[in-house]
């Protein structure tokens, strides 16, 4: 995984998610909603993230949200 996250940004755990009653998955980055998964996409995500460690979960969420691999993402200054 060191090759994927060279700057160790996933160690800061910028991603988190919530699951709604109707199995929609809401993925957040630095507290901002950036992706909603539903249906088969939601089920697939929940299966992938089921038994993984925190760093792997962060990587899965980064991949699902897409476009978080260029290194030019801006971080929330209010942290």
PDB file of N, CA and C in Angstrom:
ATOM      1  N   UNK A   1       0.821  -1.186   0.000  1.00  0.00           N
ATOM      2  CA  UNK A   1       0.000   0.000   0.000  1.00  0.00           C
ATOM      3  C   UNK A   1       0.870   1.256   0.000  1.00  0.00           C
ATOM      4  N   UNK A   2       2.103   1.162   0.461  1.00  0.00           N
ATOM      5  CA  UNK A   2       2.990   2.304   0.501  1.00  0.00           C
ATOM      6  C   UNK A   2       3.202   2.927  -0.867  1.00  0.00           C
ATOM      7  N   UNK A   3       3.157   2.121  -1.902  1.00  0.00           N
ATOM      8  CA  UNK A   3       3.316   2.617  -3.265  1.00  0.00           C
ATOM      9  C   UNK A   3       2.112   3.450  -3.700  1.00  0.00           C
ATOM     10  N   UNK A   4       0.942   3.142  -3.189  1.00  0.00           N
ATOM     11  CA  UNK A   4      -0.278   3.859  -3.563  1.00  0.00           C
ATOM     12  C   UNK A   4      -0.392   5.177  -2.813  1.00  0.00           C
ATOM     13  N   UNK A   5      -0.159   5.176  -1.531  1.00  0.00           N
ATOM     14  CA  UNK A   5      -0.311   6.359  -0.684  1.00  0.00           C
ATOM     15  C   UNK A   5       1.072   6.861  -0.267  1.00  0.00           C
ATOM     16  N   UNK A   6       1.815   7.378  -1.233  1.00  0.00           N
ATOM     17  CA  UNK A   6       3.211   7.761  -0.990  1.00  0.00           C
ATOM     18  C   UNK A   6       3.353   8.868   0.043  1.00  0.00           C
ATOM     19  N   UNK A   7       2.362   9.768   0.118  1.00  0.00           N
ATOM     20  CA  UNK A   7       2.458  10.880   1.061  1.00  0.00           C
ATOM     21  C   UNK A   7       1.707  10.605   2.360  1.00  0.00           C
ATOM     22  N   UNK A   8       1.230   9.398   2.527  1.00  0.00           N
ATOM     23  CA  UNK A   8       0.538   8.959   3.747  1.00  0.00           C
ATOM     24  C   UNK A   8      -0.655   9.830   4.128  1.00  0.00           C
ATOM     25  N   UNK A   9      -1.378  10.324   3.149  1.00  0.00           N
ATOM     26  CA  UNK A   9      -2.562  11.150   3.412  1.00  0.00           C
ATOM     27  C   UNK A   9      -3.703  10.318   4.001  1.00  0.00           C
ATOM     28  N   UNK A  10      -3.754   9.039   3.689  1.00  0.00           N
ATOM     29  CA  UNK A  10      -4.832   8.197   4.212  1.00  0.00           C
ATOM     30  C   UNK A  10      -4.656   7.909   5.702  1.00  0.00           C
ATOM     31  N   UNK A  11      -3.462   8.116   6.224  1.00  0.00           N
ATOM     32  CA  UNK A  11      -3.244   7.956   7.663  1.00  0.00           C
ATOM     33  C   UNK A  11      -4.031   8.999   8.465  1.00  0.00           C
ATOM     34  N   UNK A  12      -4.335  10.113   7.827  1.00  0.00           N
ATOM     35  CA  UNK A  12      -5.107  11.179   8.473  1.00  0.00           C
ATOM     36  C   UNK A  12      -6.603  10.852   8.522  1.00  0.00           C
ATOM     37  N   UNK A  13      -6.998   9.768   7.875  1.00  0.00           N
ATOM     38  CA  UNK A  13      -8.385   9.298   7.794  1.00  0.00           C
ATOM     39  C   UNK A  13      -9.347  10.397   7.349  1.00  0.00           C
ATOM     40  N   UNK A  14      -9.150  10.921   6.126  1.00  0.00           N
ATOM     41  CA  UNK A  14     -10.024  11.995   5.646  1.00  0.00           C
ATOM     42  C   UNK A  14     -11.420  11.516   5.243  1.00  0.00           C
ATOM     43  N   UNK A  15     -11.570  10.210   5.007  1.00  0.00           N
ATOM     44  CA  UNK A  15     -12.859   9.672   4.564  1.00  0.00           C
ATOM     45  C   UNK A  15     -13.616   9.021   5.718  1.00  0.00           C
ATOM     46  N   UNK A  16     -14.944   9.141   5.662  1.00  0.00           N
ATOM     47  CA  UNK A  16     -15.822   8.346   6.516  1.00  0.00           C
ATOM     48  C   UNK A  16     -17.127   8.140   5.769  1.00  0.00           C
ATOM     49  N   UNK A  17     -17.986   7.273   6.297  1.00  0.00           N
ATOM     50  CA  UNK A  17     -19.243   7.012   5.611  1.00  0.00           C
ATOM     51  C   UNK A  17     -20.342   6.694   6.607  1.00  0.00           C
ATOM     52  N   UNK A  18     -21.578   6.891   6.140  1.00  0.00           N
ATOM     53  CA  UNK A  18     -22.775   6.538   6.900  1.00  0.00           C
ATOM     54  C   UNK A  18     -23.673   5.711   6.003  1.00  0.00           C
ATOM     55  N   UNK A  19     -24.478   4.858   6.626  1.00  0.00           N
ATOM     56  CA  UNK A  19     -25.424   4.028   5.892  1.00  0.00           C
ATOM     57  C   UNK A  19     -26.825   4.435   6.320  1.00  0.00           C
ATOM     58  N   UNK A  20     -27.697   4.693   5.343  1.00  0.00           N
ATOM     59  CA  UNK A  20     -29.076   5.067   5.652  1.00  0.00           C
ATOM     60  C   UNK A  20     -29.934   3.811   5.822  1.00  0.00           C
ATOM     61  N   UNK A  21     -31.172   4.021   6.249  1.00  0.00           N
ATOM     62  CA  UNK A  21     -32.080   2.892   6.464  1.00  0.00           C
ATOM     63  C   UNK A  21     -32.351   2.120   5.185  1.00  0.00           C
ATOM     64  N   UNK A  22     -32.350   2.815   4.054  1.00  0.00           N
ATOM     65  CA  UNK A  22     -32.610   2.143   2.777  1.00  0.00           C
ATOM     66  C   UNK A  22     -31.316   1.709   2.073  1.00  0.00           C
ATOM     67  N   UNK A  23     -30.247   1.521   2.862  1.00  0.00           N
ATOM     68  CA  UNK A  23     -28.948   1.003   2.407  1.00  0.00           C
ATOM     69  C   UNK A  23     -28.206   1.916   1.433  1.00  0.00           C
ATOM     70  N   UNK A  24     -28.494   3.192   1.444  1.00  0.00           N
ATOM     71  CA  UNK A  24     -27.666   4.127   0.692  1.00  0.00           C
ATOM     72  C   UNK A  24     -26.425   4.407   1.538  1.00  0.00           C
ATOM     73  N   UNK A  25     -25.292   4.554   0.874  1.00  0.00           N
ATOM     74  CA  UNK A  25     -24.039   4.841   1.560  1.00  0.00           C
ATOM     75  C   UNK A  25     -23.631   6.272   1.201  1.00  0.00           C
ATOM     76  N   UNK A  26     -23.421   7.071   2.225  1.00  0.00           N
ATOM     77  CA  UNK A  26     -22.997   8.453   2.058  1.00  0.00           C
ATOM     78  C   UNK A  26     -21.522   8.536   2.445  1.00  0.00           C
ATOM     79  N   UNK A  27     -20.675   8.902   1.488  1.00  0.00           N
ATOM     80  CA  UNK A  27     -19.240   8.975   1.741  1.00  0.00           C
ATOM     81  C   UNK A  27     -18.839  10.443   1.872  1.00  0.00           C
ATOM     82  N   UNK A  28     -18.090  10.707   2.935  1.00  0.00           N
ATOM     83  CA  UNK A  28     -17.653  12.066   3.247  1.00  0.00           C
ATOM     84  C   UNK A  28     -16.152  12.166   3.182  1.00  0.00           C
ATOM     85  N   UNK A  29     -15.656  13.312   2.753  1.00  0.00           N
ATOM     86  CA  UNK A  29     -14.241  13.627   2.752  1.00  0.00           C
ATOM     87  C   UNK A  29     -14.065  14.930   3.522  1.00  0.00           C
ATOM     88  N   UNK A  30     -13.329  14.880   4.591  1.00  0.00           N
ATOM     89  CA  UNK A  30     -13.131  16.040   5.468  1.00  0.00           C
ATOM     90  C   UNK A  30     -14.452  16.660   5.885  1.00  0.00           C
ATOM     91  N   UNK A  31     -15.437  15.819   6.158  1.00  0.00           N
ATOM     92  CA  UNK A  31     -16.738  16.277   6.634  1.00  0.00           C
ATOM     93  C   UNK A  31     -17.697  16.731   5.554  1.00  0.00           C
ATOM     94  N   UNK A  32     -17.286  16.685   4.295  1.00  0.00           N
ATOM     95  CA  UNK A  32     -18.148  17.114   3.192  1.00  0.00           C
ATOM     96  C   UNK A  32     -18.640  15.899   2.422  1.00  0.00           C
ATOM     97  N   UNK A  33     -19.935  15.871   2.152  1.00  0.00           N
ATOM     98  CA  UNK A  33     -20.505  14.775   1.363  1.00  0.00           C
ATOM     99  C   UNK A  33     -19.984  14.865  -0.062  1.00  0.00           C
ATOM    100  N   UNK A  34     -19.395  13.764  -0.541  1.00  0.00           N
ATOM    101  CA  UNK A  34     -18.849  13.791  -1.893  1.00  0.00           C
ATOM    102  C   UNK A  34     -19.390  12.688  -2.792  1.00  0.00           C
ATOM    103  N   UNK A  35     -20.045  11.682  -2.207  1.00  0.00           N
ATOM    104  CA  UNK A  35     -20.543  10.583  -3.037  1.00  0.00           C
ATOM    105  C   UNK A  35     -21.674   9.867  -2.318  1.00  0.00           C
ATOM    106  N   UNK A  36     -22.704   9.496  -3.076  1.00  0.00           N
ATOM    107  CA  UNK A  36     -23.805   8.685  -2.549  1.00  0.00           C
ATOM    108  C   UNK A  36     -23.863   7.419  -3.393  1.00  0.00           C
ATOM    109  N   UNK A  37     -23.806   6.279  -2.725  1.00  0.00           N
ATOM    110  CA  UNK A  37     -23.917   4.986  -3.408  1.00  0.00           C
ATOM    111  C   UNK A  37     -25.269   4.377  -3.089  1.00  0.00           C
ATOM    112  N   UNK A  38     -25.896   3.773  -4.093  1.00  0.00           N
ATOM    113  CA  UNK A  38     -27.171   3.097  -3.851  1.00  0.00           C
ATOM    114  C   UNK A  38     -27.266   1.863  -4.728  1.00  0.00           C
ATOM    115  N   UNK A  39     -28.171   0.994  -4.369  1.00  0.00           N
ATOM    116  CA  UNK A  39     -28.385  -0.232  -5.134  1.00  0.00           C
ATOM    117  C   UNK A  39     -27.195  -1.168  -5.087  1.00  0.00           C
ATOM    118  N   UNK A  40     -26.876  -1.741  -6.248  1.00  0.00           N
ATOM    119  CA  UNK A  40     -25.784  -2.716  -6.327  1.00  0.00           C
ATOM    120  C   UNK A  40     -24.427  -2.096  -6.002  1.00  0.00           C
ATOM    121  N   UNK A  41     -24.262  -0.830  -6.344  1.00  0.00           N
ATOM    122  CA  UNK A  41     -23.010  -0.139  -6.041  1.00  0.00           C
ATOM    123  C   UNK A  41     -22.807  -0.059  -4.523  1.00  0.00           C
ATOM    124  N   UNK A  42     -23.887   0.215  -3.802  1.00  0.00           N
ATOM    125  CA  UNK A  42     -23.842   0.279  -2.343  1.00  0.00           C
ATOM    126  C   UNK A  42     -23.532  -1.092  -1.748  1.00  0.00           C
ATOM    127  N   UNK A  43     -24.205  -2.112  -2.232  1.00  0.00           N
ATOM    128  CA  UNK A  43     -23.978  -3.474  -1.741  1.00  0.00           C
ATOM    129  C   UNK A  43     -22.525  -3.914  -1.965  1.00  0.00           C
ATOM    130  N   UNK A  44     -22.004  -3.628  -3.148  1.00  0.00           N
ATOM    131  CA  UNK A  44     -20.628  -3.999  -3.470  1.00  0.00           C
ATOM    132  C   UNK A  44     -19.649  -3.282  -2.534  1.00  0.00           C
ATOM    133  N   UNK A  45     -19.879  -1.996  -2.298  1.00  0.00           N
ATOM    134  CA  UNK A  45     -19.022  -1.226  -1.394  1.00  0.00           C
ATOM    135  C   UNK A  45     -19.046  -1.826   0.006  1.00  0.00           C
ATOM    136  N   UNK A  46     -20.231  -2.126   0.521  1.00  0.00           N
ATOM    137  CA  UNK A  46     -20.361  -2.656   1.886  1.00  0.00           C
ATOM    138  C   UNK A  46     -19.676  -4.015   2.025  1.00  0.00           C
ATOM    139  N   UNK A  47     -19.726  -4.830   0.991  1.00  0.00           N
ATOM    140  CA  UNK A  47     -19.032  -6.120   1.025  1.00  0.00           C
ATOM    141  C   UNK A  47     -17.513  -5.927   1.035  1.00  0.00           C
ATOM    142  N   UNK A  48     -17.030  -4.974   0.234  1.00  0.00           N
ATOM    143  CA  UNK A  48     -15.587  -4.740   0.142  1.00  0.00           C
ATOM    144  C   UNK A  48     -15.023  -4.184   1.443  1.00  0.00           C
ATOM    145  N   UNK A  49     -15.793  -3.369   2.133  1.00  0.00           N
ATOM    146  CA  UNK A  49     -15.279  -2.660   3.299  1.00  0.00           C
ATOM    147  C   UNK A  49     -15.540  -3.413   4.604  1.00  0.00           C
ATOM    148  N   UNK A  50     -16.233  -4.523   4.498  1.00  0.00           N
ATOM    149  CA  UNK A  50     -16.704  -5.277   5.661  1.00  0.00           C
ATOM    150  C   UNK A  50     -15.605  -5.665   6.658  1.00  0.00           C
ATOM    151  N   UNK A  51     -14.577  -6.326   6.225  1.00  0.00           N
ATOM    152  CA  UNK A  51     -13.563  -6.870   7.144  1.00  0.00           C
ATOM    153  C   UNK A  51     -12.162  -6.355   6.829  1.00  0.00           C
ATOM    154  N   UNK A  52     -12.025  -5.054   6.619  1.00  0.00           N
ATOM    155  CA  UNK A  52     -10.706  -4.517   6.308  1.00  0.00           C
ATOM    156  C   UNK A  52     -10.254  -3.569   7.417  1.00  0.00           C
ATOM    157  N   UNK A  53      -8.960  -3.324   7.468  1.00  0.00           N
ATOM    158  CA  UNK A  53      -8.448  -2.382   8.463  1.00  0.00           C
ATOM    159  C   UNK A  53      -8.741  -0.940   8.031  1.00  0.00           C
ATOM    160  N   UNK A  54      -8.418  -0.003   8.890  1.00  0.00           N
ATOM    161  CA  UNK A  54      -8.757   1.398   8.662  1.00  0.00           C
ATOM    162  C   UNK A  54      -8.092   1.962   7.409  1.00  0.00           C
ATOM    163  N   UNK A  55      -6.825   1.672   7.216  1.00  0.00           N
ATOM    164  CA  UNK A  55      -6.108   2.207   6.053  1.00  0.00           C
ATOM    165  C   UNK A  55      -6.678   1.647   4.756  1.00  0.00           C
ATOM    166  N   UNK A  56      -6.987   0.364   4.742  1.00  0.00           N
ATOM    167  CA  UNK A  56      -7.578  -0.255   3.553  1.00  0.00           C
ATOM    168  C   UNK A  56      -8.962   0.337   3.284  1.00  0.00           C
ATOM    169  N   UNK A  57      -9.741   0.587   4.336  1.00  0.00           N
ATOM    170  CA  UNK A  57     -11.061   1.209   4.185  1.00  0.00           C
ATOM    171  C   UNK A  57     -10.924   2.602   3.578  1.00  0.00           C
ATOM    172  N   UNK A  58      -9.914   3.353   4.028  1.00  0.00           N
ATOM    173  CA  UNK A  58      -9.669   4.687   3.469  1.00  0.00           C
ATOM    174  C   UNK A  58      -9.337   4.590   1.986  1.00  0.00           C
ATOM    175  N   UNK A  59      -8.541   3.625   1.606  1.00  0.00           N
ATOM    176  CA  UNK A  59      -8.171   3.433   0.208  1.00  0.00           C
ATOM    177  C   UNK A  59      -9.392   3.061  -0.635  1.00  0.00           C
ATOM    178  N   UNK A  60     -10.236   2.189  -0.125  1.00  0.00           N
ATOM    179  CA  UNK A  60     -11.455   1.795  -0.847  1.00  0.00           C
ATOM    180  C   UNK A  60     -12.337   3.019  -1.080  1.00  0.00           C
ATOM    181  N   UNK A  61     -12.521   3.833  -0.046  1.00  0.00           N
ATOM    182  CA  UNK A  61     -13.363   5.025  -0.198  1.00  0.00           C
ATOM    183  C   UNK A  61     -12.735   6.018  -1.181  1.00  0.00           C
ATOM    184  N   UNK A  62     -11.420   6.149  -1.159  1.00  0.00           N
ATOM    185  CA  UNK A  62     -10.748   7.040  -2.107  1.00  0.00           C
ATOM    186  C   UNK A  62     -10.969   6.567  -3.541  1.00  0.00           C
ATOM    187  N   UNK A  63     -10.865   5.267  -3.755  1.00  0.00           N
ATOM    188  CA  UNK A  63     -11.063   4.719  -5.098  1.00  0.00           C
ATOM    189  C   UNK A  63     -12.507   4.860  -5.552  1.00  0.00           C
ATOM    190  N   UNK A  64     -13.454   4.618  -4.658  1.00  0.00           N
ATOM    191  CA  UNK A  64     -14.874   4.705  -5.011  1.00  0.00           C
ATOM    192  C   UNK A  64     -15.259   6.137  -5.386  1.00  0.00           C
ATOM    193  N   UNK A  65     -14.711   7.101  -4.663  1.00  0.00           N
ATOM    194  CA  UNK A  65     -15.057   8.488  -4.940  1.00  0.00           C
ATOM    195  C   UNK A  65     -14.373   8.998  -6.194  1.00  0.00           C
ATOM    196  N   UNK A  66     -13.239   8.405  -6.546  1.00  0.00           N
ATOM    197  CA  UNK A  66     -12.524   8.780  -7.759  1.00  0.00           C
ATOM    198  C   UNK A  66     -11.870  10.148  -7.669  1.00  0.00           C
ATOM    199  N   UNK A  67     -10.963  10.415  -8.583  1.00  0.00           N
ATOM    200  CA  UNK A  67     -10.318  11.708  -8.721  1.00  0.00           C
ATOM    201  C   UNK A  67      -9.613  12.187  -7.452  1.00  0.00           C
ATOM    202  N   UNK A  68      -9.157  11.282  -6.606  1.00  0.00           N
ATOM    203  CA  UNK A  68      -8.413  11.641  -5.410  1.00  0.00           C
ATOM    204  C   UNK A  68      -7.005  11.078  -5.482  1.00  0.00           C
ATOM    205  N   UNK A  69      -6.428  11.107  -6.652  1.00  0.00           N
ATOM    206  CA  UNK A  69      -5.109  10.518  -6.792  1.00  0.00           C
ATOM    207  C   UNK A  69      -4.108  11.437  -7.500  1.00  0.00           C
ATOM    208  N   UNK A  70      -4.506  12.676  -7.719  1.00  0.00           N
ATOM    209  CA  UNK A  70      -3.626  13.567  -8.463  1.00  0.00           C
ATOM    210  C   UNK A  70      -2.642  14.313  -7.576  1.00  0.00           C
ATOM    211  N   UNK A  71      -2.916  14.390  -6.273  1.00  0.00           N
ATOM    212  CA  UNK A  71      -2.010  15.070  -5.365  1.00  0.00           C
ATOM    213  C   UNK A  71      -2.262  16.559  -5.250  1.00  0.00           C
ATOM    214  N   UNK A  72      -3.299  17.043  -5.923  1.00  0.00           N
ATOM    215  CA  UNK A  72      -3.568  18.473  -5.870  1.00  0.00           C
ATOM    216  C   UNK A  72      -4.878  18.778  -5.137  1.00  0.00           C
ATOM    217  N   UNK A  73      -5.320  17.839  -4.305  1.00  0.00           N
ATOM    218  CA  UNK A  73      -6.546  18.061  -3.554  1.00  0.00           C
ATOM    219  C   UNK A  73      -6.299  19.106  -2.478  1.00  0.00           C
ATOM    220  N   UNK A  74      -7.269  19.953  -2.262  1.00  0.00           N
ATOM    221  CA  UNK A  74      -7.157  20.974  -1.222  1.00  0.00           C
ATOM    222  C   UNK A  74      -7.816  20.454   0.038  1.00  0.00           C
ATOM    223  N   UNK A  75      -7.165  20.680   1.172  1.00  0.00           N
ATOM    224  CA  UNK A  75      -7.694  20.214   2.448  1.00  0.00           C
ATOM    225  C   UNK A  75      -8.388  21.341   3.183  1.00  0.00           C
ATOM    226  N   UNK A  76      -9.368  20.969   3.962  1.00  0.00           N
ATOM    227  CA  UNK A  76     -10.158  21.923   4.729  1.00  0.00           C
ATOM    228  C   UNK A  76      -9.260  22.627   5.742  1.00  0.00           C
ATOM    229  N   UNK A  77      -9.169  23.940   5.646  1.00  0.00           N
ATOM    230  CA  UNK A  77      -8.286  24.709   6.509  1.00  0.00           C
ATOM    231  C   UNK A  77      -8.851  24.891   7.924  1.00  0.00           C
ATOM    232  N   UNK A  78     -10.141  24.634   8.133  1.00  0.00           N
ATOM    233  CA  UNK A  78     -10.791  24.854   9.414  1.00  0.00           C
ATOM    234  C   UNK A  78     -10.570  23.723  10.410  1.00  0.00           C
ATOM    235  N   UNK A  79      -9.844  22.679  10.052  1.00  0.00           N
ATOM    236  CA  UNK A  79      -9.637  21.540  10.922  1.00  0.00           C
ATOM    237  C   UNK A  79      -9.004  21.953  12.156  1.00  0.00           C
TER     238      UNK A  79
END
